[in-house]
Amino acid sequence: MPSLAHKRGTRSQIDAAASASQLRTGEVYLITDEARLTVGTAINAHEPVAKQSEAGGGDAWTWQKLPADVSNSTVTLAAATGLSFTAAANTSYLIHLYGALQTAATTTGAALAVDVPSGQVVGQAHISASATTIQTIEQIADNATTGVTTGVRAANTNIPVFAWFRVDIGATGGTVQLQFRSEVAGSAVTLKAGLTAMGRRAI
């Protein structure tokens, strides 16, 4: 009988490889300390397979951690490198983002959106403007927002951010990419690695 071997490691080792963007999309790995397989869904993400004994099939969400800080000093939406996934045609997704951002000045706000290969998107991003105030922006079209927040509690300090998006992919599948921008040209907005993660699930 022919033998079949997969790359293997503990859960922490495979998670560390994902954090270092060392996985391959579509490659199967053995999680040795859980006796289960996982499939690389991006260079920095993988989706473990449920065991037969696990009724309900496990967690339906797939999560990616931002592997490195990413900054944008323009008022044009730019890719948050490391937070994307390949979406199937004619499929609907829920997307959640939890994390932190920093801006170069207290008078600099930010905006978040997703870029989709086809179809429709709606969503909101919530960014703390002060210790007690949250500002909300909305997305109702691809690669665009209807506004931008207008400041943060403190410059160069971690500011909590939460966003959700509901995506309906059309006849063309492809990359769904998180994007972000600054409110003020020349004043940087930085999404912080480690603290920032994006999850998605098909519905």
Protein backbone atom coordinates (compact mmCIF):
# COMPACT_ATOMS: atom_id res chain seq x y z
CA MET A 1 0.00 0.00 0.00
CA PRO A 2 1.43 3.45 -0.86
CA SER A 3 2.18 5.76 2.06
CA LEU A 4 0.92 9.33 2.40
CA ALA A 5 2.67 11.84 4.65
CA HIS A 6 1.65 15.34 5.72
CA LYS A 7 3.65 18.09 7.38
CA ARG A 8 3.01 17.96 11.10
CA GLY A 9 3.41 19.88 14.33
CA THR A 10 1.63 20.81 17.53
CA ARG A 11 -1.23 23.30 17.47
CA SER A 12 1.09 26.01 18.82
CA GLN A 13 3.71 25.26 16.17
CA ILE A 14 1.19 25.45 13.32
CA ASP A 15 -0.33 28.64 14.78
CA ALA A 16 3.18 30.10 14.98
CA ALA A 17 3.78 29.20 11.33
CA ALA A 18 0.52 30.96 10.45
CA SER A 19 1.57 34.06 12.40
CA ALA A 20 4.81 34.05 10.39
CA SER A 21 2.88 33.64 7.08
CA GLN A 22 4.58 30.29 6.40
CA LEU A 23 1.54 28.15 5.50
CA ARG A 24 0.39 27.25 2.00
CA THR A 25 -3.18 27.54 0.76
CA GLY A 26 -4.66 24.07 0.26
CA GLU A 27 -1.86 22.22 2.06
CA VAL A 28 -2.89 19.69 4.72
CA TYR A 29 -1.11 19.54 8.10
CA LEU A 30 -1.37 17.09 11.02
CA ILE A 31 -1.89 18.69 14.44
CA THR A 32 -0.01 16.09 16.45
CA ASP A 33 -1.20 17.02 19.95
CA GLU A 34 -4.87 16.93 18.87
CA ALA A 35 -4.73 14.03 16.37
CA ARG A 36 -6.57 16.06 13.73
CA LEU A 37 -5.88 17.50 10.30
CA THR A 38 -5.98 21.17 9.38
CA VAL A 39 -5.99 22.81 5.95
CA GLY A 40 -4.11 25.98 5.06
CA THR A 41 -6.65 28.57 3.87
CA ALA A 42 -4.09 31.37 3.41
CA ILE A 43 -0.41 31.89 4.18
CA ASN A 44 -1.42 33.08 7.66
CA ALA A 45 -4.54 31.02 8.38
CA HIS A 46 -5.67 27.40 8.64
CA GLU A 47 -8.95 25.60 9.32
CA PRO A 48 -8.87 22.50 11.53
CA VAL A 49 -11.06 19.55 10.55
CA ALA A 50 -13.59 18.27 13.06
CA LYS A 51 -13.21 14.74 14.37
CA GLN A 52 -16.00 12.25 13.80
CA SER A 53 -16.63 12.20 17.56
CA GLU A 54 -17.21 15.96 17.66
CA ALA A 55 -20.92 16.41 17.15
CA GLY A 56 -21.80 19.67 15.43
CA GLY A 57 -18.59 19.80 13.40
CA GLY A 58 -16.65 22.32 15.48
CA ASP A 59 -16.30 26.07 15.11
CA ALA A 60 -17.72 27.43 11.84
CA TRP A 61 -15.50 30.53 12.02
CA THR A 62 -12.04 30.81 10.48
CA TRP A 63 -9.75 33.43 12.04
CA GLN A 64 -6.64 35.25 10.85
CA LYS A 65 -4.33 37.36 13.01
CA LEU A 66 -2.70 40.40 11.42
CA PRO A 67 0.93 39.21 11.01
CA ALA A 68 2.59 42.66 11.02
CA ASP A 69 1.64 46.29 11.59
CA VAL A 70 0.30 47.94 8.43
CA SER A 71 0.01 51.72 7.91
CA ASN A 72 -1.75 54.05 5.50
CA SER A 73 -1.13 57.83 5.37
CA THR A 74 -3.57 58.52 2.55
CA VAL A 75 -7.31 59.15 2.32
CA THR A 76 -7.59 56.33 -0.23
CA LEU A 77 -8.56 52.84 0.94
CA ALA A 78 -5.56 50.48 0.89
CA ALA A 79 -5.17 46.77 1.62
CA ALA A 80 -4.59 45.63 5.19
CA THR A 81 -1.98 43.12 4.07
CA GLY A 82 -2.48 39.76 5.76
CA LEU A 83 -6.25 40.09 6.31
CA SER A 84 -7.89 38.56 3.24
CA PHE A 85 -9.40 35.27 2.10
CA THR A 86 -10.52 33.56 -1.08
CA ALA A 87 -14.30 33.61 -1.39
CA ALA A 88 -16.31 31.13 -3.43
CA ALA A 89 -18.69 32.32 -6.15
CA ASN A 90 -22.38 32.62 -5.23
CA THR A 91 -21.63 32.31 -1.51
CA SER A 92 -22.56 34.52 1.44
CA TYR A 93 -20.21 35.34 4.34
CA LEU A 94 -20.24 37.04 7.72
CA ILE A 95 -16.99 38.86 8.56
CA HIS A 96 -15.96 40.18 11.99
CA LEU A 97 -12.89 42.22 12.86
CA TYR A 98 -11.61 42.83 16.41
CA GLY A 99 -8.46 44.77 17.08
CA ALA A 100 -6.58 47.99 17.66
CA LEU A 101 -5.36 50.87 15.56
CA GLN A 102 -3.20 53.92 16.19
CA THR A 103 -3.28 57.32 14.52
CA ALA A 104 -0.55 59.94 14.31
CA ALA A 105 -2.74 62.69 15.83
CA THR A 106 -5.82 62.96 18.02
CA THR A 107 -7.54 64.80 15.16
CA THR A 108 -7.01 61.91 12.73
CA GLY A 109 -9.79 59.37 12.31
CA ALA A 110 -10.02 56.26 10.17
CA ALA A 111 -12.28 54.13 8.00
CA LEU A 112 -12.47 50.38 7.35
CA ALA A 113 -14.10 48.52 4.46
CA VAL A 114 -13.85 45.30 2.47
CA ASP A 115 -13.16 44.89 -1.23
CA VAL A 116 -15.05 42.00 -2.87
CA PRO A 117 -14.57 40.38 -6.30
CA SER A 118 -18.26 40.63 -7.16
CA GLY A 119 -21.64 40.93 -5.50
CA GLN A 120 -22.79 43.10 -2.60
CA VAL A 121 -21.54 44.17 0.80
CA VAL A 122 -22.94 46.01 3.80
CA GLY A 123 -21.25 46.68 7.13
CA GLN A 124 -20.15 48.99 9.91
CA ALA A 125 -16.92 49.85 11.71
CA HIS A 126 -16.91 51.15 15.30
CA ILE A 127 -13.86 53.10 16.52
CA SER A 128 -13.41 54.68 19.96
CA ALA A 129 -13.20 58.47 19.69
CA SER A 130 -12.82 59.01 23.44
CA ALA A 131 -12.95 57.00 26.64
CA THR A 132 -16.77 57.06 26.48
CA THR A 133 -17.65 57.76 22.82
CA ILE A 134 -17.67 55.41 19.84
CA GLN A 135 -17.97 56.68 16.27
CA THR A 136 -19.51 54.47 13.59
CA ILE A 137 -19.02 54.46 9.84
CA GLU A 138 -20.88 52.37 7.30
CA GLN A 139 -20.15 50.51 4.09
CA ILE A 140 -22.96 50.02 1.59
CA ALA A 141 -20.94 49.54 -1.62
CA ASP A 142 -17.79 47.69 -2.63
CA ASN A 143 -14.46 49.34 -1.85
CA ALA A 144 -16.05 52.47 -0.33
CA THR A 145 -17.45 53.93 2.89
CA THR A 146 -20.02 56.65 3.42
CA GLY A 147 -17.75 58.52 5.83
CA VAL A 148 -14.78 58.41 8.19
CA THR A 149 -14.34 58.89 11.94
CA THR A 150 -13.02 62.28 13.08
CA GLY A 151 -10.46 61.63 15.79
CA VAL A 152 -9.28 59.34 18.58
CA ARG A 153 -8.73 59.48 22.34
CA ALA A 154 -4.93 59.77 22.10
CA ALA A 155 -2.29 59.78 19.38
CA ASN A 156 0.07 56.82 18.93
CA THR A 157 -1.96 54.79 21.42
CA ASN A 158 -3.91 51.57 20.88
CA ILE A 159 -7.53 52.41 20.08
CA PRO A 160 -10.15 49.60 20.10
CA VAL A 161 -11.89 48.88 16.80
CA PHE A 162 -14.68 46.46 15.90
CA ALA A 163 -16.22 45.93 12.47
CA TRP A 164 -18.74 43.59 10.85
CA PHE A 165 -19.55 42.99 7.21
CA ARG A 166 -22.21 40.94 5.43
CA VAL A 167 -20.99 39.87 1.99
CA ASP A 168 -22.87 38.20 -0.87
CA ILE A 169 -20.39 37.08 -3.52
CA GLY A 170 -21.75 37.06 -7.06
CA ALA A 171 -20.87 34.88 -10.04
CA THR A 172 -17.14 35.69 -9.74
CA GLY A 173 -15.28 34.35 -6.73
CA GLY A 174 -11.91 35.65 -5.60
CA THR A 175 -10.15 37.64 -2.90
CA VAL A 176 -12.05 39.47 -0.18
CA GLN A 177 -9.63 42.05 1.22
CA LEU A 178 -9.91 44.21 4.34
CA GLN A 179 -9.05 47.83 3.56
CA PHE A 180 -8.48 50.97 5.63
CA ARG A 181 -7.65 54.64 5.24
CA SER A 182 -6.83 57.81 7.14
CA GLU A 183 -9.15 60.76 7.61
CA VAL A 184 -6.27 63.20 6.98
CA ALA A 185 -3.79 63.02 4.11
CA GLY A 186 -0.23 62.65 5.43
CA SER A 187 -1.36 61.53 8.91
CA ALA A 188 -0.85 57.80 9.36
CA VAL A 189 -3.32 55.20 10.58
CA THR A 190 -1.75 51.90 11.69
CA LEU A 191 -3.52 48.61 12.29
CA LYS A 192 -1.69 46.78 15.07
CA ALA A 193 -0.42 43.23 14.67
CA GLY A 194 -1.19 40.64 17.32
CA LEU A 195 -4.18 42.54 18.68
CA THR A 196 -6.04 42.57 15.35
CA ALA A 197 -7.85 39.53 13.96
CA MET A 198 -10.45 38.93 11.25
CA GLY A 199 -12.88 36.03 11.20
CA ARG A 200 -15.31 34.80 8.59
CA ARG A 201 -17.86 32.08 8.09
CA ALA A 202 -20.00 31.03 5.14
CA ILE A 203 -23.74 31.23 5.74
